[in-house]
Amino acid sequence: MTGFDIGEEIETSVVQVSNDTVFIDLGLKSEGFVDKSEFCDEEGKCSVKEGDRIKVYFVGSSGDDLHFTTKIKGENAGSEVLENAFSGGLPVEGHVEKEIKGGFEVKIGSARAFCPYSQMGYKNRLEPSEYIGRTLSFLITEYKNEGKNIIISNRRFEEQKEMEKVNSLSSSLSEGSMVKGIVKSIQSYGAFVDINGFQALLPVSEISHQRIEKIEDFLSAGQVIEAKVIRADWNSAHPDRSKVSLSLKALEKDPWESLADSLKAGDKISGKIVRIAGFGLFVNLKPGIDGLVHISALNDVSTTTNLSKKYSIGQEFDVVIEKIDLKEKRISLAPASSVEQDKETASYMAGQDDDEGNTYNPFAALLKK
């Protein structure tokens, strides 16, 4: 007597990982084992290590050796096992043989099952022909006539797996936590980052304090990043609706914190126009710091002028700081004469002394005539 029923699910710990076997703790004199291949990817990399907690199913014994599996498949898929898998909601592995009316014929061990079109695939569903010849995991949704009529679902299996992943990640991916992930794709509104199989969003506004024109200038697919979780909405009932948002900006020093040491009212600065709005121009003064020149301060336009027809993004623009509001992170600017022009004028005037050593004054010189 082993103390386990065929197909019985247990949660246990990995005791040891050998060349081809994963040994598990059963709390008995003998240990159970699982074929290591079940935990290896296409490159042969094993996903478990000593001490990891795993869920497995009992499939049989040979002497003192108790054999477990992560899913029912092949020679383990006898009628008794399949019936237990149906009643216990255990996953089974099947080979998609061919497409038939309404779905697919799938072979599970020696049994044949039917998977409807609607139950094949989950998030990224393929064309029916692309499933033929594949070995996939399923849940048995109907088991009748001693296994002669079996209906299975790959979709339900994938949903269950996603739910387990979400439940596992929700404890470690909470608001405020630090995570490492891989940039999977870049969109106009941000980047998707893979965190242990879950896709989190890094919005473009959270990449940097600097203004982002092209995300590709800051990130690339395949790049490993460390970010802060700023939002985590987990939905265990509908795992595909769970959302996690990340921030790289939160790890940077806010440039506004040291602004008082570098800028003050009255300073004249040469910047670049970075945004044109109906009410004025936004000018970049330093990385992460923009100020506004209100349309009312622009002498050569009216309040009805289309500013985008007169000014352009990236255009050099000289301004003078009128007011800095550190609390609201706002800077009011006014147009100014060219900074370079001011320097040249000052230098010119300083060099124009009259015969008596006085600085040249054009108005005084005019009166003397």
Protein backbone atom coordinates (compact mmCIF):
# COMPACT_ATOMS: atom_id res chain seq x y z
CA MET A 1 0.00 0.00 0.00
CA THR A 2 1.41 3.37 -1.00
CA GLY A 3 -1.12 5.54 0.80
CA PHE A 4 -1.82 7.43 -2.47
CA ASP A 5 -4.65 7.05 -4.97
CA ILE A 6 -3.91 7.11 -8.69
CA GLY A 7 -4.16 10.74 -9.84
CA GLU A 8 -4.05 12.12 -6.27
CA GLU A 9 -2.59 15.62 -6.05
CA ILE A 10 -0.01 16.54 -3.39
CA GLU A 11 2.06 19.62 -2.65
CA THR A 12 5.60 18.85 -1.52
CA SER A 13 9.23 19.98 -1.56
CA VAL A 14 12.08 19.11 -3.89
CA VAL A 15 14.69 17.07 -1.99
CA GLN A 16 17.28 16.65 -4.73
CA VAL A 17 17.76 17.20 -8.47
CA SER A 18 19.91 14.61 -10.27
CA ASN A 19 20.83 14.16 -13.93
CA ASP A 20 17.41 12.83 -14.96
CA THR A 21 15.27 12.75 -11.81
CA VAL A 22 13.69 15.18 -9.34
CA PHE A 23 13.26 13.58 -5.90
CA ILE A 24 10.46 14.85 -3.67
CA ASP A 25 9.71 14.64 0.07
CA LEU A 26 6.77 12.40 1.00
CA GLY A 27 7.32 12.28 4.72
CA LEU A 28 7.89 8.54 4.37
CA LYS A 29 10.84 6.18 4.54
CA SER A 30 10.98 6.23 0.75
CA GLU A 31 11.07 9.26 -1.53
CA GLY A 32 8.93 9.98 -4.55
CA PHE A 33 10.32 11.00 -7.89
CA VAL A 34 9.35 12.99 -10.98
CA ASP A 35 11.08 12.80 -14.36
CA LYS A 36 13.37 15.82 -14.60
CA SER A 37 12.36 16.36 -18.24
CA GLU A 38 9.00 17.65 -17.02
CA PHE A 39 10.73 20.70 -15.53
CA CYS A 40 13.13 21.40 -18.41
CA ASP A 41 12.67 23.85 -21.28
CA GLU A 42 13.72 23.33 -24.88
CA GLU A 43 17.31 24.24 -23.99
CA GLY A 44 17.40 21.72 -21.14
CA LYS A 45 17.33 24.32 -18.36
CA CYS A 46 15.64 22.99 -15.22
CA SER A 47 13.12 25.31 -13.55
CA VAL A 48 13.23 23.77 -10.02
CA LYS A 49 15.88 23.41 -7.34
CA GLU A 50 16.26 21.86 -3.91
CA GLY A 51 13.73 23.32 -1.46
CA ASP A 52 11.22 24.50 -4.08
CA ARG A 53 7.54 23.75 -3.41
CA ILE A 54 5.74 21.95 -6.28
CA LYS A 55 2.38 20.28 -7.01
CA VAL A 56 2.45 16.75 -8.46
CA TYR A 57 0.12 13.80 -9.09
CA PHE A 58 0.61 10.15 -8.15
CA VAL A 59 0.67 7.82 -11.17
CA GLY A 60 1.95 4.50 -9.78
CA SER A 61 4.66 2.58 -7.95
CA SER A 62 7.31 -0.01 -8.63
CA GLY A 63 8.52 -1.59 -5.40
CA ASP A 64 9.46 1.24 -3.07
CA ASP A 65 9.64 3.79 -5.91
CA LEU A 66 6.63 6.11 -6.02
CA HIS A 67 6.21 7.82 -9.39
CA PHE A 68 4.65 11.29 -9.63
CA THR A 69 4.06 13.65 -12.52
CA THR A 70 3.17 17.30 -13.07
CA LYS A 71 0.49 16.23 -15.54
CA ILE A 72 -1.13 13.00 -16.72
CA LYS A 73 0.31 11.80 -20.04
CA GLY A 74 1.29 8.88 -22.25
CA GLU A 75 1.60 5.50 -20.57
CA ASN A 76 0.21 6.97 -17.33
CA ALA A 77 -3.10 7.89 -18.98
CA GLY A 78 -5.11 4.73 -18.32
CA SER A 79 -8.90 4.85 -17.93
CA GLU A 80 -8.69 4.90 -14.11
CA VAL A 81 -6.19 7.74 -14.20
CA LEU A 82 -8.26 9.76 -16.70
CA GLU A 83 -11.41 9.34 -14.65
CA ASN A 84 -9.56 10.52 -11.54
CA ALA A 85 -8.12 13.41 -13.55
CA PHE A 86 -11.67 14.41 -14.54
CA SER A 87 -13.10 14.20 -11.02
CA GLY A 88 -10.07 15.89 -9.46
CA GLY A 89 -9.58 18.60 -12.10
CA LEU A 90 -6.05 17.37 -12.90
CA PRO A 91 -4.24 18.39 -16.12
CA VAL A 92 -3.60 15.82 -18.84
CA GLU A 93 -1.22 15.92 -21.77
CA GLY A 94 -2.45 15.09 -25.25
CA HIS A 95 -1.28 15.05 -28.85
CA VAL A 96 -3.45 16.98 -31.32
CA GLU A 97 -4.00 14.40 -34.08
CA LYS A 98 -6.25 16.15 -36.58
CA GLU A 99 -8.98 18.71 -37.17
CA ILE A 100 -12.53 17.33 -37.23
CA LYS A 101 -15.99 18.87 -37.38
CA GLY A 102 -16.31 21.48 -34.61
CA GLY A 103 -12.80 21.08 -33.24
CA PHE A 104 -9.88 18.68 -32.85
CA GLU A 105 -9.26 15.01 -32.15
CA VAL A 106 -6.65 14.64 -29.40
CA LYS A 107 -4.93 11.43 -28.30
CA ILE A 108 -4.29 11.05 -24.54
CA GLY A 109 -2.41 7.82 -23.95
CA SER A 110 -4.55 5.21 -25.71
CA ALA A 111 -7.75 7.24 -25.37
CA ARG A 112 -9.14 9.73 -27.88
CA ALA A 113 -10.72 13.00 -26.83
CA PHE A 114 -12.47 15.95 -28.46
CA CYS A 115 -11.43 19.58 -27.99
CA PRO A 116 -13.88 22.20 -29.41
CA TYR A 117 -12.45 25.11 -31.40
CA SER A 118 -13.52 27.52 -28.66
CA GLN A 119 -11.49 25.60 -26.07
CA MET A 120 -8.19 25.53 -27.95
CA GLY A 121 -5.77 28.33 -27.11
CA TYR A 122 -6.04 31.20 -24.65
CA LYS A 123 -4.52 34.66 -25.13
CA ASN A 124 -2.72 34.25 -28.45
CA ARG A 125 -4.96 31.92 -30.42
CA LEU A 126 -3.57 30.41 -33.62
CA GLU A 127 -5.10 29.23 -36.86
CA PRO A 128 -6.60 25.70 -36.43
CA SER A 129 -4.01 24.12 -38.74
CA GLU A 130 -1.18 25.38 -36.52
CA TYR A 131 -2.31 23.19 -33.59
CA ILE A 132 -2.11 19.92 -35.54
CA GLY A 133 0.82 17.77 -34.41
CA ARG A 134 1.38 19.66 -31.16
CA THR A 135 1.49 18.14 -27.69
CA LEU A 136 -0.47 20.35 -25.29
CA SER A 137 -1.98 20.31 -21.82
CA PHE A 138 -5.74 20.06 -21.19
CA LEU A 139 -8.38 19.74 -18.49
CA ILE A 140 -11.07 17.09 -18.91
CA THR A 141 -14.48 18.79 -18.89
CA GLU A 142 -16.59 15.68 -19.65
CA TYR A 143 -15.89 11.96 -19.10
CA LYS A 144 -18.66 9.54 -20.15
CA ASN A 145 -19.22 5.90 -21.16
CA GLU A 146 -16.09 4.66 -19.38
CA GLY A 147 -13.86 6.98 -21.35
CA LYS A 148 -15.41 6.54 -24.77
CA ASN A 149 -16.67 10.11 -24.75
CA ILE A 150 -14.09 12.58 -23.44
CA ILE A 151 -14.25 16.36 -23.96
CA ILE A 152 -11.20 18.43 -23.04
CA SER A 153 -10.18 22.11 -22.87
CA ASN A 154 -6.78 23.63 -23.43
CA ARG A 155 -8.22 27.08 -22.71
CA ARG A 156 -9.30 26.12 -19.18
CA PHE A 157 -5.88 24.66 -18.47
CA GLU A 158 -4.16 27.88 -19.60
CA GLU A 159 -6.60 29.98 -17.56
CA GLN A 160 -5.91 27.87 -14.47
CA LYS A 161 -2.16 28.16 -14.99
CA GLU A 162 -2.46 31.91 -15.38
CA MET A 163 -4.54 32.10 -12.20
CA GLU A 164 -1.92 30.17 -10.23
CA LYS A 165 0.80 32.44 -11.60
CA VAL A 166 -1.16 35.56 -10.66
CA ASN A 167 -1.80 34.26 -7.15
CA SER A 168 1.90 33.51 -6.75
CA LEU A 169 3.10 36.84 -8.11
CA SER A 170 0.56 38.98 -6.26
CA SER A 171 2.42 38.45 -2.99
CA SER A 172 5.78 39.59 -4.37
CA LEU A 173 4.61 42.15 -6.94
CA SER A 174 2.97 44.67 -4.64
CA GLU A 175 2.95 48.43 -4.83
CA GLY A 176 6.33 49.85 -3.77
CA SER A 177 8.33 46.66 -4.37
CA MET A 178 11.45 46.52 -6.57
CA VAL A 179 11.51 44.03 -9.45
CA LYS A 180 13.76 42.90 -12.29
CA GLY A 181 12.34 42.16 -15.70
CA ILE A 182 13.07 41.92 -19.41
CA VAL A 183 11.73 44.45 -21.93
CA LYS A 184 9.61 42.35 -24.31
CA SER A 185 8.12 44.98 -26.63
CA ILE A 186 7.98 48.73 -27.12
CA GLN A 187 4.80 50.62 -28.01
CA SER A 188 4.09 54.33 -28.53
CA TYR A 189 2.60 54.55 -25.02
CA GLY A 190 5.29 52.60 -23.15
CA ALA A 191 7.09 49.26 -22.87
CA PHE A 192 5.89 45.81 -21.78
CA VAL A 193 8.22 44.14 -19.28
CA ASP A 194 8.22 40.39 -18.61
CA ILE A 195 8.42 39.52 -14.91
CA ASN A 196 8.47 35.74 -14.45
CA GLY A 197 6.01 35.29 -17.29
CA PHE A 198 3.73 38.22 -16.38
CA GLN A 199 3.57 41.26 -18.68
CA ALA A 200 3.78 44.55 -16.74
CA LEU A 201 3.50 47.99 -18.34
CA LEU A 202 6.15 50.69 -18.06
CA PRO A 203 4.28 53.84 -19.23
CA VAL A 204 6.25 56.34 -21.30
CA SER A 205 5.62 58.97 -18.59
CA GLU A 206 7.41 56.75 -16.05
CA ILE A 207 10.59 56.05 -18.03
CA SER A 208 12.50 59.21 -17.06
CA HIS A 209 12.17 62.75 -15.73
CA GLN A 210 13.56 63.81 -19.09
CA ARG A 211 11.17 64.43 -21.94
CA ILE A 212 10.80 61.28 -24.06
CA GLU A 213 10.66 61.79 -27.82
CA LYS A 214 11.52 58.19 -28.78
CA ILE A 215 11.29 55.35 -26.27
CA GLU A 216 13.92 53.48 -28.30
CA ASP A 217 16.46 56.11 -27.20
CA PHE A 218 16.05 54.85 -23.62
CA LEU A 219 15.02 51.18 -23.92
CA SER A 220 15.45 48.21 -26.25
CA ALA A 221 13.79 44.79 -26.54
CA GLY A 222 15.65 42.18 -24.51
CA GLN A 223 17.09 44.73 -22.08
CA VAL A 224 17.10 43.74 -18.40
CA ILE A 225 15.83 46.54 -16.15
CA GLU A 226 15.15 47.10 -12.47
CA ALA A 227 12.00 49.09 -11.74
CA LYS A 228 9.60 50.04 -8.97
CA VAL A 229 6.00 48.80 -8.86
CA ILE A 230 3.75 51.86 -8.68
CA ARG A 231 0.42 50.07 -9.27
CA ALA A 232 -0.72 46.47 -8.81
CA ASP A 233 -4.33 45.50 -9.55
CA TRP A 234 -4.67 41.72 -9.23
CA ASN A 235 -7.79 39.90 -10.41
CA SER A 236 -7.69 36.25 -9.34
CA ALA A 237 -11.08 35.50 -10.91
CA HIS A 238 -10.00 36.91 -14.28
CA PRO A 239 -6.17 36.75 -14.28
CA ASP A 240 -5.91 38.20 -17.79
CA ARG A 241 -7.40 41.43 -16.39
CA SER A 242 -4.66 41.85 -13.78
CA LYS A 243 -2.52 44.95 -14.34
CA VAL A 244 0.85 46.01 -12.97
CA SER A 245 2.51 49.35 -13.74
CA LEU A 246 6.23 50.03 -13.30
CA SER A 247 8.42 53.13 -13.00
CA LEU A 248 12.06 53.83 -13.76
CA LYS A 249 11.54 57.53 -13.05
CA ALA A 250 10.82 56.72 -9.39
CA LEU A 251 14.42 55.50 -9.06
CA GLU A 252 15.92 58.74 -10.42
CA LYS A 253 16.63 61.85 -8.40
CA ASP A 254 13.90 64.41 -9.04
CA PRO A 255 15.63 67.38 -10.81
CA TRP A 256 13.18 69.77 -9.13
CA GLU A 257 14.70 68.95 -5.72
CA SER A 258 17.99 70.71 -6.57
CA LEU A 259 16.51 73.36 -8.85
CA ALA A 260 16.90 76.18 -6.31
CA ASP A 261 20.68 75.69 -6.45
CA SER A 262 20.88 76.19 -10.21
CA LEU A 263 18.03 78.45 -11.36
CA LYS A 264 16.41 81.58 -9.96
CA ALA A 265 14.06 84.35 -11.05
CA GLY A 266 15.80 86.82 -13.36
CA ASP A 267 18.14 84.25 -14.94
CA LYS A 268 18.38 84.41 -18.69
CA ILE A 269 18.67 81.02 -20.40
CA SER A 270 18.91 79.67 -23.92
CA GLY A 271 16.62 76.64 -24.24
CA LYS A 272 14.69 74.63 -26.82
CA ILE A 273 10.97 74.51 -27.54
CA VAL A 274 9.76 71.01 -26.60
CA ARG A 275 5.99 71.43 -26.81
CA ILE A 276 3.62 73.88 -28.47
CA ALA A 277 0.18 74.39 -26.94
CA GLY A 278 -2.65 76.74 -27.82
CA PHE A 279 -1.82 78.86 -24.77
CA GLY A 280 1.94 79.07 -25.13
CA LEU A 281 5.35 77.45 -25.60
CA PHE A 282 7.07 74.94 -23.31
CA VAL A 283 10.82 75.47 -23.26
CA ASN A 284 13.31 72.95 -21.85
CA LEU A 285 15.76 74.65 -19.50
CA LYS A 286 17.72 71.57 -18.30
CA PRO A 287 17.10 67.78 -18.27
CA GLY A 288 13.66 67.17 -16.77
CA ILE A 289 12.85 70.86 -16.31
CA ASP A 290 10.48 72.76 -18.64
CA GLY A 291 9.01 76.22 -18.32
CA LEU A 292 6.07 77.97 -19.98
CA VAL A 293 6.12 81.11 -22.10
CA HIS A 294 2.44 82.15 -22.09
CA ILE A 295 1.04 83.38 -25.40
CA SER A 296 0.28 86.76 -23.79
CA ALA A 297 4.04 87.26 -23.28
CA LEU A 298 4.82 86.75 -26.97
CA ASN A 299 4.93 90.23 -28.49
CA ASP A 300 4.79 89.17 -32.13
CA VAL A 301 1.56 87.14 -31.90
CA SER A 302 -2.06 87.53 -30.77
CA THR A 303 -4.17 85.24 -28.61
CA THR A 304 -5.72 83.80 -31.80
CA THR A 305 -2.41 82.97 -33.48
CA ASN A 306 -1.68 79.35 -34.33
CA LEU A 307 1.69 79.07 -32.59
CA SER A 308 2.64 75.87 -34.37
CA LYS A 309 2.76 77.80 -37.65
CA LYS A 310 5.20 80.36 -36.24
CA TYR A 311 7.36 78.18 -33.97
CA SER A 312 8.69 74.61 -34.23
CA ILE A 313 9.72 71.82 -31.88
CA GLY A 314 13.47 71.87 -31.25
CA GLN A 315 13.79 75.57 -32.07
CA GLU A 316 16.30 77.52 -29.96
CA PHE A 317 14.49 80.04 -27.77
CA ASP A 318 15.97 82.56 -25.33
CA VAL A 319 13.98 83.22 -22.17
CA VAL A 320 14.19 84.96 -18.82
CA ILE A 321 12.79 83.28 -15.70
CA GLU A 322 9.96 85.31 -14.20
CA LYS A 323 8.74 82.99 -11.43
CA ILE A 324 9.56 79.53 -10.03
CA ASP A 325 6.90 77.57 -8.11
CA LEU A 326 8.72 74.57 -6.62
CA LYS A 327 5.61 73.21 -4.90
CA GLU A 328 3.59 73.03 -8.13
CA LYS A 329 6.71 72.35 -10.25
CA ARG A 330 5.98 75.26 -12.58
CA ILE A 331 8.21 77.92 -14.10
CA SER A 332 6.91 81.07 -15.78
CA LEU A 333 9.09 82.40 -18.59
CA ALA A 334 9.21 85.47 -20.82
CA PRO A 335 10.98 85.92 -24.16
CA ALA A 336 14.40 87.50 -23.91
CA SER A 337 17.02 88.87 -26.26
CA SER A 338 19.64 86.37 -27.25
CA VAL A 339 22.00 85.43 -24.44
CA GLU A 340 24.85 85.50 -26.94
CA GLN A 341 23.71 88.89 -28.23
CA ASP A 342 23.76 90.31 -24.68
CA LYS A 343 27.31 89.07 -24.18
CA GLU A 344 28.49 90.56 -27.46
CA THR A 345 26.81 93.89 -26.71
CA ALA A 346 28.34 94.08 -23.23
CA SER A 347 31.77 93.26 -24.64
CA TYR A 348 31.38 95.88 -27.38
CA MET A 349 30.25 98.60 -25.01
CA ALA A 350 33.05 97.83 -22.58
CA GLY A 351 35.58 98.44 -25.34
CA GLN A 352 34.16 101.79 -26.51
CA ASP A 353 35.89 104.38 -24.21
CA ASP A 354 36.31 108.03 -25.21
CA ASP A 355 39.54 110.01 -25.01
CA GLU A 356 38.87 110.83 -21.34
CA GLY A 357 38.42 107.14 -20.36
CA ASN A 358 34.64 107.24 -20.11
CA THR A 359 32.47 104.45 -21.50
CA TYR A 360 31.03 105.34 -24.85
CA ASN A 361 27.45 106.66 -24.62
CA PRO A 362 25.79 107.03 -28.04
CA PHE A 363 23.16 109.45 -26.75
CA ALA A 364 25.76 111.74 -25.12
CA ALA A 365 27.84 111.63 -28.27
CA LEU A 366 24.82 112.71 -30.31
CA LEU A 367 24.21 115.75 -28.05
CA LYS A 368 27.75 116.90 -28.46
CA LYS A 369 27.26 117.28 -32.21
